[in-house]
Amino acid sequence: MASVWVCLAEGGGVEKRVTVPGVGEGTPKEGAKCFVHYRVFLEETGEEVYATEENDGPPVEVVASAGAPGCSSTAGLGIGLLSMRKRERAELRVRPEYGYGEEGSFSFPHVPPSSTLVYSADLLGWLEEGEESLTTDMLFEERLAAAQRRRDLGVDEFRCGNYREAWSFFNMGISFLNEDMMFQLKQEDLGKVHSIRHPLLLNSFSSLVRLKRYGQGLKLAEQVTREDPENAKAWCRVAKGHRLLGNTGRALEAIRAAEGLAPGSEAVREELERIREAESAGKERDKKRWFGMFG
C-alpha cells in the first residue's frame, strides 16, 4: 500500500510516496552514483513517455543531487533518490521546474511544455561519490574494478532471490568488458578480463534460468565455452541449458565435455543424473503418446 505524499523540494516542486519500502537505514549521499530503473508518466494524461527497462536494458546511472530548479531535466529524480533506501520503489511527482520546464521536450522523450511528471523509480543500489570515475574516463584497471563491483552487487541481489535485479547488475558489469574493448588487448590483459567477464556471463546464465529465460541464458554459457573451451563450469551450464530446453542429446554432449575437463566433479555428476532423468521421462512420454495413437 502506498504511503502519503511527502514534500522533498520547496513549494512542492518534488513530492514522493513510497510504494515498496526499502531495506537498511542508509540513503545515497549528495553526488552518489545510483543504479535505477524508472518509468516516467505525464500526470495529466497518464501516458508513459519513457521506461529504462525497454528491451531488457540495464539500470541507468543517475547522480543523487539536491539540484536547483532548472539545472537539468532529471533534477527531480536526483532529489528523490537522496531520500530512498536500497530496493525501495517510490513514486515521484515532479513539477515542470524540476523536470523539462516550460519548454518541454520535442525530441526523445517527448514531453509537452509545462508538464508535471510522475516517476515510478526502483533504487537497486549506489556507489558514493568518489568511489569510481566516470565510465568515459576509466582506465583499464578501473574498468575491471567497476565490473567486479557490479558483480558483487548482483551476487547480493541473487542471494536475496532478486533474480531480475541480479541479472541487471551482471549485465552492467559485462558492459564494461565488451568485445570491442577486448579486441584491442594484449594476451596478458585478456586473461584479466576473462577472469571477471566469464563469471559475470555464468552468473547471468544462473539469473536467467531462475527467470525461466533458458534460451537467452544458454547463449551466454555457450559464449564462455567459445572463449575458453577448457572451462568445465561453462560446459556444465551449457548442459543444463540444453536440458531445460528439452535437448537431452545436446545436453549429454556438453556434460561429457565437462566430465572430461573435471572428472570427479560433484556438480557435473549431479547434472548428468538430471539429464538421464529427463531423457527417461522423455522416452516415457513418447511411449504413452504412441500408445495413445496406436494402442
Protein backbone atom coordinates (compact mmCIF):
# COMPACT_ATOMS: atom_id res chain seq x y z
CA MET A 1 0.00 0.00 0.00
CA ALA A 2 1.41 3.40 -1.00
CA SER A 3 2.30 5.92 1.70
CA VAL A 4 1.17 9.56 1.70
CA TRP A 5 2.88 12.17 -0.48
CA VAL A 6 5.83 13.88 1.22
CA CYS A 7 7.32 17.17 0.02
CA LEU A 8 11.04 16.99 -0.88
CA ALA A 9 11.58 20.40 -2.51
CA GLU A 10 10.49 23.95 -1.83
CA GLY A 11 6.96 24.77 -2.89
CA GLY A 12 6.07 21.13 -3.56
CA GLY A 13 8.31 21.01 -6.64
CA VAL A 14 9.16 17.38 -5.90
CA GLU A 15 6.93 15.08 -3.87
CA LYS A 16 7.36 11.43 -3.03
CA ARG A 17 5.36 8.48 -1.80
CA VAL A 18 6.78 5.03 -1.08
CA THR A 19 5.07 2.09 -2.80
CA VAL A 20 7.56 -0.64 -1.77
CA PRO A 21 9.70 0.01 1.33
CA GLY A 22 13.45 -0.40 1.02
CA VAL A 23 15.91 -2.22 3.27
CA GLY A 24 18.52 -0.87 5.65
CA GLU A 25 18.75 2.62 7.09
CA GLY A 26 21.17 4.32 4.70
CA THR A 27 20.29 6.55 1.75
CA PRO A 28 22.54 7.94 -1.01
CA LYS A 29 24.59 10.99 -0.17
CA GLU A 30 24.95 14.04 -2.42
CA GLY A 31 26.81 13.06 -5.58
CA ALA A 32 26.27 9.30 -5.23
CA LYS A 33 26.02 7.27 -8.45
CA CYS A 34 22.66 5.48 -8.21
CA PHE A 35 21.57 2.41 -10.18
CA VAL A 36 17.93 2.95 -11.06
CA HIS A 37 15.11 1.57 -13.14
CA TYR A 38 12.30 4.01 -13.72
CA ARG A 39 9.24 4.76 -15.77
CA VAL A 40 8.02 8.29 -16.45
CA PHE A 41 4.39 9.31 -16.98
CA LEU A 42 2.59 12.56 -17.74
CA GLU A 43 0.45 13.28 -14.68
CA GLU A 44 -2.29 14.94 -16.73
CA THR A 45 -2.93 12.02 -19.10
CA GLY A 46 -1.16 9.03 -17.51
CA GLU A 47 0.75 8.50 -20.77
CA GLU A 48 4.12 6.76 -20.36
CA VAL A 49 6.88 8.77 -22.04
CA TYR A 50 9.97 6.76 -21.11
CA ALA A 51 11.00 3.49 -19.45
CA THR A 52 14.53 2.30 -18.74
CA GLU A 53 13.59 -1.39 -18.87
CA GLU A 54 12.55 -1.40 -22.53
CA ASN A 55 14.39 -4.10 -24.49
CA ASP A 56 15.78 -5.54 -21.23
CA GLY A 57 18.02 -2.54 -20.71
CA PRO A 58 20.27 -2.46 -17.64
CA PRO A 59 19.64 0.07 -14.85
CA VAL A 60 20.65 3.62 -15.64
CA GLU A 61 23.14 5.56 -13.55
CA VAL A 62 21.71 8.76 -12.09
CA VAL A 63 23.52 11.11 -9.72
CA ALA A 64 21.65 11.79 -6.48
CA SER A 65 21.71 15.54 -6.04
CA ALA A 66 19.69 18.34 -4.47
CA GLY A 67 19.84 20.28 -7.73
CA ALA A 68 18.29 23.70 -8.13
CA PRO A 69 15.18 24.16 -10.28
CA GLY A 70 16.02 24.17 -13.97
CA CYS A 71 19.51 22.66 -13.55
CA SER A 72 18.65 19.50 -15.51
CA SER A 73 15.69 17.54 -16.84
CA THR A 74 16.27 14.86 -14.16
CA ALA A 75 16.69 17.29 -11.22
CA GLY A 76 13.52 15.97 -9.59
CA LEU A 77 14.65 12.38 -9.88
CA GLY A 78 18.05 13.26 -8.39
CA ILE A 79 16.34 14.90 -5.39
CA GLY A 80 14.06 11.92 -4.89
CA LEU A 81 16.95 9.46 -4.86
CA LEU A 82 18.54 11.23 -1.88
CA SER A 83 15.62 10.06 0.27
CA MET A 84 15.40 6.44 -0.97
CA ARG A 85 16.73 3.28 0.60
CA LYS A 86 18.14 0.25 -1.21
CA ARG A 87 15.45 -1.72 -3.11
CA GLU A 88 12.86 0.95 -2.42
CA ARG A 89 10.24 1.72 -5.03
CA ALA A 90 8.68 5.14 -4.92
CA GLU A 91 6.56 7.49 -6.99
CA LEU A 92 7.98 10.96 -7.50
CA ARG A 93 5.70 13.80 -8.61
CA VAL A 94 7.93 16.36 -10.34
CA ARG A 95 6.71 19.84 -11.26
CA PRO A 96 7.94 21.35 -14.55
CA GLU A 97 10.68 23.47 -12.93
CA TYR A 98 12.38 20.24 -11.72
CA GLY A 99 11.75 18.43 -14.99
CA TYR A 100 11.52 19.64 -18.58
CA GLY A 101 10.40 23.18 -17.73
CA GLU A 102 8.08 25.47 -19.63
CA GLU A 103 9.59 24.45 -22.97
CA GLY A 104 9.13 20.67 -22.58
CA SER A 105 10.96 18.31 -24.94
CA PHE A 106 10.12 17.78 -28.58
CA SER A 107 12.83 15.18 -29.16
CA PHE A 108 13.03 11.98 -27.08
CA PRO A 109 11.38 11.60 -24.69
CA HIS A 110 8.51 13.76 -25.92
CA VAL A 111 7.26 15.89 -23.02
CA PRO A 112 4.73 18.69 -23.65
CA PRO A 113 5.50 22.18 -22.28
CA SER A 114 4.93 22.79 -18.56
CA SER A 115 4.24 19.12 -17.81
CA THR A 116 4.18 17.61 -14.33
CA LEU A 117 5.80 14.18 -14.42
CA VAL A 118 5.32 11.12 -12.25
CA TYR A 119 8.27 8.75 -11.90
CA SER A 120 7.94 5.17 -10.72
CA ALA A 121 11.52 4.59 -9.57
CA ASP A 122 13.31 1.49 -8.25
CA LEU A 123 16.63 2.12 -6.50
CA LEU A 124 18.76 -1.02 -6.84
CA GLY A 125 21.87 0.36 -5.14
CA TRP A 126 24.50 3.07 -5.34
CA LEU A 127 28.17 4.00 -5.10
CA GLU A 128 29.11 7.07 -3.08
CA GLU A 129 30.81 9.98 -4.81
CA GLY A 130 34.50 9.31 -5.47
CA GLU A 131 34.25 5.50 -5.38
CA GLU A 132 34.85 5.34 -9.13
CA SER A 133 35.50 7.60 -12.11
CA LEU A 134 33.09 8.42 -14.88
CA THR A 135 32.86 5.48 -17.27
CA THR A 136 34.28 7.52 -20.16
CA ASP A 137 37.37 8.42 -18.08
CA MET A 138 38.13 4.91 -16.79
CA LEU A 139 41.48 3.26 -17.40
CA PHE A 140 41.75 -0.50 -17.99
CA GLU A 141 42.20 -1.47 -14.33
CA GLU A 142 39.34 0.83 -13.31
CA ARG A 143 37.04 -0.91 -15.78
CA LEU A 144 37.95 -4.26 -14.26
CA ALA A 145 37.19 -2.94 -10.77
CA ALA A 146 33.88 -1.41 -11.90
CA ALA A 147 32.80 -4.69 -13.49
CA GLN A 148 33.71 -6.59 -10.31
CA ARG A 149 31.75 -4.13 -8.15
CA ARG A 150 28.64 -4.73 -10.22
CA ARG A 151 29.19 -8.47 -10.00
CA ASP A 152 29.33 -8.16 -6.20
CA LEU A 153 26.09 -6.15 -6.21
CA GLY A 154 24.49 -8.76 -8.45
CA VAL A 155 25.55 -11.62 -6.20
CA ASP A 156 23.97 -9.84 -3.22
CA GLU A 157 20.69 -9.49 -5.13
CA PHE A 158 20.82 -13.12 -6.29
CA ARG A 159 21.27 -14.37 -2.74
CA CYS A 160 18.19 -12.37 -1.74
CA GLY A 161 16.16 -14.00 -4.50
CA ASN A 162 16.01 -10.81 -6.60
CA TYR A 163 16.96 -12.51 -9.85
CA ARG A 164 15.92 -9.79 -12.27
CA GLU A 165 17.88 -7.18 -10.31
CA ALA A 166 20.84 -9.55 -10.10
CA TRP A 167 20.79 -10.07 -13.85
CA SER A 168 20.66 -6.31 -14.36
CA PHE A 169 23.85 -5.81 -12.33
CA PHE A 170 25.64 -8.68 -14.08
CA ASN A 171 24.62 -7.19 -17.42
CA MET A 172 26.04 -3.82 -16.35
CA GLY A 173 29.31 -5.49 -15.36
CA ILE A 174 29.60 -7.19 -18.74
CA SER A 175 29.12 -3.82 -20.47
CA PHE A 176 32.43 -2.60 -19.00
CA LEU A 177 34.27 -5.53 -20.63
CA ASN A 178 32.71 -5.64 -24.07
CA GLU A 179 34.11 -7.44 -27.11
CA ASP A 180 35.25 -4.19 -28.79
CA MET A 181 37.49 -3.44 -25.81
CA MET A 182 38.90 -6.99 -25.69
CA PHE A 183 39.83 -6.88 -29.36
CA GLN A 184 42.46 -4.25 -28.56
CA LEU A 185 44.07 -6.04 -25.59
CA LYS A 186 47.30 -7.98 -25.23
CA GLN A 187 47.03 -11.65 -24.25
CA GLU A 188 48.07 -11.00 -20.64
CA ASP A 189 45.37 -8.36 -20.22
CA LEU A 190 42.81 -10.55 -21.96
CA GLY A 191 43.30 -13.13 -19.21
CA LYS A 192 42.48 -10.48 -16.58
CA VAL A 193 39.29 -9.58 -18.45
CA HIS A 194 38.20 -13.21 -18.75
CA SER A 195 38.73 -13.79 -15.02
CA ILE A 196 35.89 -11.31 -14.38
CA ARG A 197 33.88 -11.43 -17.61
CA HIS A 198 33.36 -15.21 -17.68
CA PRO A 199 31.99 -15.40 -14.10
CA LEU A 200 29.70 -12.48 -14.99
CA LEU A 201 28.38 -14.34 -18.03
CA LEU A 202 27.80 -17.50 -15.99
CA ASN A 203 26.17 -15.51 -13.18
CA SER A 204 23.88 -14.01 -15.83
CA PHE A 205 23.06 -17.53 -17.02
CA SER A 206 22.02 -18.52 -13.48
CA SER A 207 19.81 -15.44 -13.11
CA LEU A 208 18.13 -16.00 -16.47
CA VAL A 209 17.49 -19.65 -15.63
CA ARG A 210 15.69 -18.55 -12.45
CA LEU A 211 13.65 -16.21 -14.66
CA LYS A 212 12.92 -19.17 -16.99
CA ARG A 213 14.65 -17.49 -19.91
CA TYR A 214 16.58 -20.61 -20.79
CA GLY A 215 17.47 -19.84 -24.40
CA GLN A 216 18.92 -16.45 -23.56
CA GLY A 217 20.93 -17.92 -20.70
CA LEU A 218 22.24 -20.76 -22.86
CA LYS A 219 23.72 -18.32 -25.36
CA LEU A 220 25.80 -16.72 -22.59
CA ALA A 221 27.14 -20.06 -21.34
CA GLU A 222 28.00 -21.08 -24.90
CA GLN A 223 29.84 -17.78 -25.34
CA VAL A 224 32.13 -18.72 -22.44
CA THR A 225 32.89 -22.13 -23.97
CA ARG A 226 33.85 -20.45 -27.25
CA GLU A 227 36.22 -18.06 -25.47
CA ASP A 228 37.51 -20.69 -23.02
CA PRO A 229 36.94 -24.28 -24.24
CA GLU A 230 38.65 -25.61 -21.09
CA ASN A 231 36.04 -24.11 -18.75
CA ALA A 232 34.28 -27.12 -17.18
CA LYS A 233 31.79 -24.96 -15.28
CA ALA A 234 30.69 -23.32 -18.53
CA TRP A 235 30.18 -26.71 -20.23
CA CYS A 236 28.11 -27.81 -17.24
CA ARG A 237 25.94 -24.69 -17.62
CA VAL A 238 25.57 -25.38 -21.35
CA ALA A 239 24.40 -28.90 -20.50
CA LYS A 240 21.86 -27.51 -18.02
CA GLY A 241 20.58 -25.01 -20.57
CA HIS A 242 20.02 -27.70 -23.20
CA ARG A 243 18.34 -29.96 -20.62
CA LEU A 244 15.92 -27.24 -19.59
CA LEU A 245 15.09 -26.65 -23.25
CA GLY A 246 14.42 -30.36 -23.72
CA ASN A 247 17.53 -31.05 -25.85
CA THR A 248 18.86 -34.04 -23.90
CA GLY A 249 21.13 -35.19 -26.73
CA ARG A 250 22.95 -31.84 -26.82
CA ALA A 251 22.94 -31.77 -23.02
CA LEU A 252 24.74 -35.13 -22.90
CA GLU A 253 27.40 -33.91 -25.35
CA ALA A 254 28.07 -30.85 -23.20
CA ILE A 255 28.16 -32.73 -19.89
CA ARG A 256 30.62 -35.24 -21.35
CA ALA A 257 32.88 -32.30 -22.26
CA ALA A 258 32.60 -31.03 -18.67
CA GLU A 259 33.28 -34.52 -17.32
CA GLY A 260 36.47 -34.79 -19.38
CA LEU A 261 37.71 -31.46 -18.00
CA ALA A 262 36.65 -32.01 -14.38
CA PRO A 263 36.50 -35.75 -13.61
CA GLY A 264 35.02 -36.39 -10.21
CA SER A 265 33.16 -33.06 -10.06
CA GLU A 266 30.04 -33.34 -7.91
CA ALA A 267 28.26 -30.62 -9.92
CA VAL A 268 28.94 -32.48 -13.17
CA ARG A 269 27.76 -35.79 -11.69
CA GLU A 270 24.51 -34.20 -10.45
CA GLU A 271 23.82 -32.57 -13.81
CA LEU A 272 24.44 -35.89 -15.60
CA GLU A 273 21.89 -37.55 -13.32
CA ARG A 274 19.33 -34.84 -14.10
CA ILE A 275 19.92 -35.26 -17.83
CA ARG A 276 19.42 -39.03 -17.59
CA GLU A 277 16.21 -38.49 -15.61
CA ALA A 278 14.98 -36.01 -18.25
CA GLU A 279 15.89 -38.47 -21.01
CA SER A 280 13.97 -41.28 -19.30
CA ALA A 281 10.96 -39.04 -18.72
CA GLY A 282 11.03 -38.04 -22.39
CA LYS A 283 11.05 -41.67 -23.53
CA GLU A 284 8.16 -42.46 -21.21
CA ARG A 285 6.14 -39.54 -22.63
CA ASP A 286 6.87 -40.72 -26.19
CA LYS A 287 5.78 -44.25 -25.31
CA LYS A 288 2.47 -43.02 -23.88
CA ARG A 289 1.90 -40.79 -26.89
CA TRP A 290 2.48 -43.65 -29.33
CA PHE A 291 0.32 -45.98 -27.25
CA GLY A 292 -2.47 -43.41 -27.28
CA MET A 293 -2.27 -43.14 -31.06
CA PHE A 294 -1.98 -46.85 -31.94
CA GLY A 295 -2.73 -48.80 -28.75
